[in-house]
Amino acid sequence: MSTRAQGFTGMHMLLTTCAFFGVIIAVNFTMAWYASSSWSGLVVENTYVASQEFNEKAAAMKAMAASGIVGKLSLKSGEIHYDIRNRDNSPAVVDDVVANFKRPVGDHEDFRVALTKLSEGRFKADHAIAAGDWIVEVTSRRGDEIVMHEAVRIDTAEFGQ
């Protein structure tokens, strides 16, 4: 009785090669799907217009920083609070405050909320905020003039949410 030793054949090589490239293709398709479904990649609508407005916006931000006005955003059990103060810690005279909540990745949960004036320099809105990271862009106005425009990155865990 003779036993024939079966070595590594051409069929084994074909199957190994197909399995190797099959794994690579599957991983690539999975990563491409996650990349395209999680973030649009859109930062600005028109890059040319954004580049033309850059210097104007930079000058406005420098002027706001020099004014000494500071805002403080806080969250507490479904409430958004925003306090805005002058350099001497007195309440800033502001008519309205709007906050844009944006996720760092994806835009399906983004929302905009106008805060109600409680007293000079104090604003509040009732709005539930999902857990996680947010970029909050807050714009404070007096009439048509922007008094303060800032963007802060927050994690709701910092506020005990």
Protein backbone atom coordinates (compact mmCIF):
# COMPACT_ATOMS: atom_id res chain seq x y z
CA MET A 1 0.00 0.00 0.00
CA SER A 2 1.44 3.30 -0.99
CA THR A 3 0.43 6.65 0.37
CA ARG A 4 0.92 9.58 -1.83
CA ALA A 5 1.97 12.75 -0.08
CA GLN A 6 -0.09 15.72 -1.22
CA GLY A 7 1.99 18.90 -1.23
CA PHE A 8 1.11 22.50 -1.84
CA THR A 9 -0.55 22.45 -5.26
CA GLY A 10 -1.64 25.07 -7.75
CA MET A 11 -5.20 24.83 -6.38
CA HIS A 12 -3.94 25.69 -2.88
CA MET A 13 -2.13 28.71 -4.29
CA LEU A 14 -5.25 29.86 -6.16
CA LEU A 15 -7.42 29.55 -3.05
CA THR A 16 -4.83 31.35 -0.88
CA THR A 17 -4.53 34.21 -3.37
CA CYS A 18 -8.32 34.56 -3.71
CA ALA A 19 -8.78 34.56 0.07
CA PHE A 20 -6.03 37.17 0.52
CA PHE A 21 -7.44 39.58 -2.06
CA GLY A 22 -11.01 38.85 -0.92
CA VAL A 23 -10.15 40.07 2.59
CA ILE A 24 -8.44 43.20 1.22
CA ILE A 25 -11.40 44.05 -1.03
CA ALA A 26 -13.91 43.46 1.78
CA VAL A 27 -11.96 45.72 4.16
CA ASN A 28 -11.65 48.45 1.52
CA PHE A 29 -15.38 48.37 0.74
CA THR A 30 -16.24 48.46 4.45
CA MET A 31 -13.94 51.44 5.09
CA ALA A 32 -15.25 53.28 2.00
CA TRP A 33 -18.83 52.74 3.16
CA TYR A 34 -18.10 54.06 6.66
CA ALA A 35 -16.25 57.07 5.22
CA SER A 36 -19.03 58.03 2.84
CA SER A 37 -21.86 57.49 5.32
CA SER A 38 -20.37 59.29 8.32
CA TRP A 39 -19.27 62.69 7.00
CA SER A 40 -19.99 64.61 3.83
CA GLY A 41 -16.52 66.16 3.76
CA LEU A 42 -18.11 69.52 3.00
CA VAL A 43 -16.52 72.34 4.95
CA VAL A 44 -17.66 75.33 2.88
CA GLU A 45 -20.02 75.56 -0.08
CA ASN A 46 -17.67 77.63 -2.24
CA THR A 47 -13.95 77.66 -1.44
CA TYR A 48 -13.25 80.70 -3.63
CA VAL A 49 -15.82 82.86 -1.85
CA ALA A 50 -14.58 81.62 1.55
CA SER A 51 -11.00 82.56 0.67
CA GLN A 52 -12.10 86.06 -0.37
CA GLU A 53 -13.95 86.60 2.93
CA PHE A 54 -11.13 85.29 5.13
CA ASN A 55 -9.30 88.58 5.81
CA GLU A 56 -12.55 90.40 6.59
CA LYS A 57 -13.60 87.69 9.05
CA ALA A 58 -10.14 87.59 10.65
CA ALA A 59 -10.23 91.37 11.24
CA ALA A 60 -13.71 91.11 12.79
CA MET A 61 -12.54 88.32 15.13
CA LYS A 62 -9.53 90.39 16.24
CA ALA A 63 -11.82 93.33 17.02
CA MET A 64 -14.13 91.09 19.06
CA ALA A 65 -11.18 89.67 21.01
CA ALA A 66 -9.92 93.20 21.73
CA SER A 67 -13.35 94.27 23.05
CA GLY A 68 -12.90 92.03 26.11
CA ILE A 69 -16.42 90.61 25.86
CA VAL A 70 -16.61 86.96 26.91
CA GLY A 71 -19.39 84.43 26.74
CA LYS A 72 -19.92 81.29 28.82
CA LEU A 73 -22.01 78.38 27.63
CA SER A 74 -23.40 75.87 30.11
CA LEU A 75 -25.81 72.93 29.91
CA LYS A 76 -28.02 71.56 32.64
CA SER A 77 -30.73 68.87 32.31
CA GLY A 78 -32.27 69.90 29.00
CA GLU A 79 -31.45 73.60 29.38
CA ILE A 80 -28.89 75.68 27.51
CA HIS A 81 -27.55 78.73 29.38
CA TYR A 82 -25.37 81.48 27.96
CA ASP A 83 -23.92 84.39 29.94
CA ILE A 84 -22.16 87.23 28.18
CA ARG A 85 -20.05 89.78 30.06
CA ASN A 86 -17.94 92.86 29.37
CA ARG A 87 -14.28 93.15 30.33
CA ASP A 88 -15.25 94.59 33.76
CA ASN A 89 -17.55 91.58 34.39
CA SER A 90 -20.72 93.67 33.93
CA PRO A 91 -23.47 92.14 31.75
CA ALA A 92 -23.04 92.90 28.05
CA VAL A 93 -25.91 94.65 26.29
CA VAL A 94 -27.15 92.07 23.79
CA ASP A 95 -30.57 91.70 22.16
CA ASP A 96 -30.48 88.11 20.98
CA VAL A 97 -28.33 85.00 21.07
CA VAL A 98 -28.45 82.08 18.64
CA ALA A 99 -26.57 78.80 19.13
CA ASN A 100 -25.81 76.33 16.34
CA PHE A 101 -25.04 72.86 17.67
CA LYS A 102 -23.07 70.74 15.21
CA ARG A 103 -21.57 67.29 15.52
CA PRO A 104 -17.85 67.12 14.65
CA VAL A 105 -18.67 64.30 12.23
CA GLY A 106 -21.95 64.14 10.34
CA ASP A 107 -24.79 66.61 10.24
CA HIS A 108 -27.91 64.53 10.88
CA GLU A 109 -28.21 65.69 14.54
CA ASP A 110 -27.29 69.36 14.01
CA PHE A 111 -29.74 71.96 15.26
CA ARG A 112 -30.10 75.72 15.76
CA VAL A 113 -31.74 77.29 18.79
CA ALA A 114 -32.56 80.91 19.66
CA LEU A 115 -32.05 81.64 23.35
CA THR A 116 -34.53 83.69 25.37
CA LYS A 117 -33.28 86.74 27.27
CA LEU A 118 -33.71 86.27 31.03
CA SER A 119 -31.95 89.48 32.03
CA GLU A 120 -29.15 91.64 30.68
CA GLY A 121 -26.33 89.29 29.71
CA ARG A 122 -28.23 86.07 30.60
CA PHE A 123 -29.95 83.83 28.07
CA LYS A 124 -31.61 80.42 28.20
CA ALA A 125 -33.27 77.85 25.95
CA ASP A 126 -34.98 74.56 26.71
CA HIS A 127 -33.65 71.90 24.38
CA ALA A 128 -32.56 68.30 24.94
CA ILE A 129 -29.02 67.61 23.78
CA ALA A 130 -27.84 64.16 22.80
CA ALA A 131 -24.78 62.82 24.58
CA GLY A 132 -21.34 63.21 23.04
CA ASP A 133 -19.15 65.81 21.39
CA TRP A 134 -20.55 69.01 19.87
CA ILE A 135 -19.17 72.14 18.25
CA VAL A 136 -21.35 75.04 19.36
CA GLU A 137 -21.26 78.27 17.40
CA VAL A 138 -22.82 81.10 19.40
CA THR A 139 -23.69 84.46 17.83
CA SER A 140 -24.77 87.40 20.01
CA ARG A 141 -26.27 90.52 18.41
CA ARG A 142 -27.32 94.00 19.39
CA GLY A 143 -29.61 95.14 16.60
CA ASP A 144 -27.84 94.20 13.35
CA GLU A 145 -24.36 94.37 14.92
CA ILE A 146 -22.60 91.16 15.96
CA VAL A 147 -21.34 91.69 19.50
CA MET A 148 -19.80 88.25 19.99
CA HIS A 149 -19.29 85.27 17.72
CA GLU A 150 -17.52 82.23 19.09
CA ALA A 151 -17.28 78.52 18.55
CA VAL A 152 -16.57 76.10 21.37
CA ARG A 153 -16.16 72.35 21.38
CA ILE A 154 -17.94 70.63 24.25
CA ASP A 155 -18.57 67.15 25.51
CA THR A 156 -21.91 66.76 27.28
CA ALA A 157 -20.19 64.51 29.86
CA GLU A 158 -18.39 67.62 31.15
CA PHE A 159 -21.77 69.05 32.13
CA GLY A 160 -23.07 65.87 33.75
CA GLN A 161 -25.55 65.17 30.96
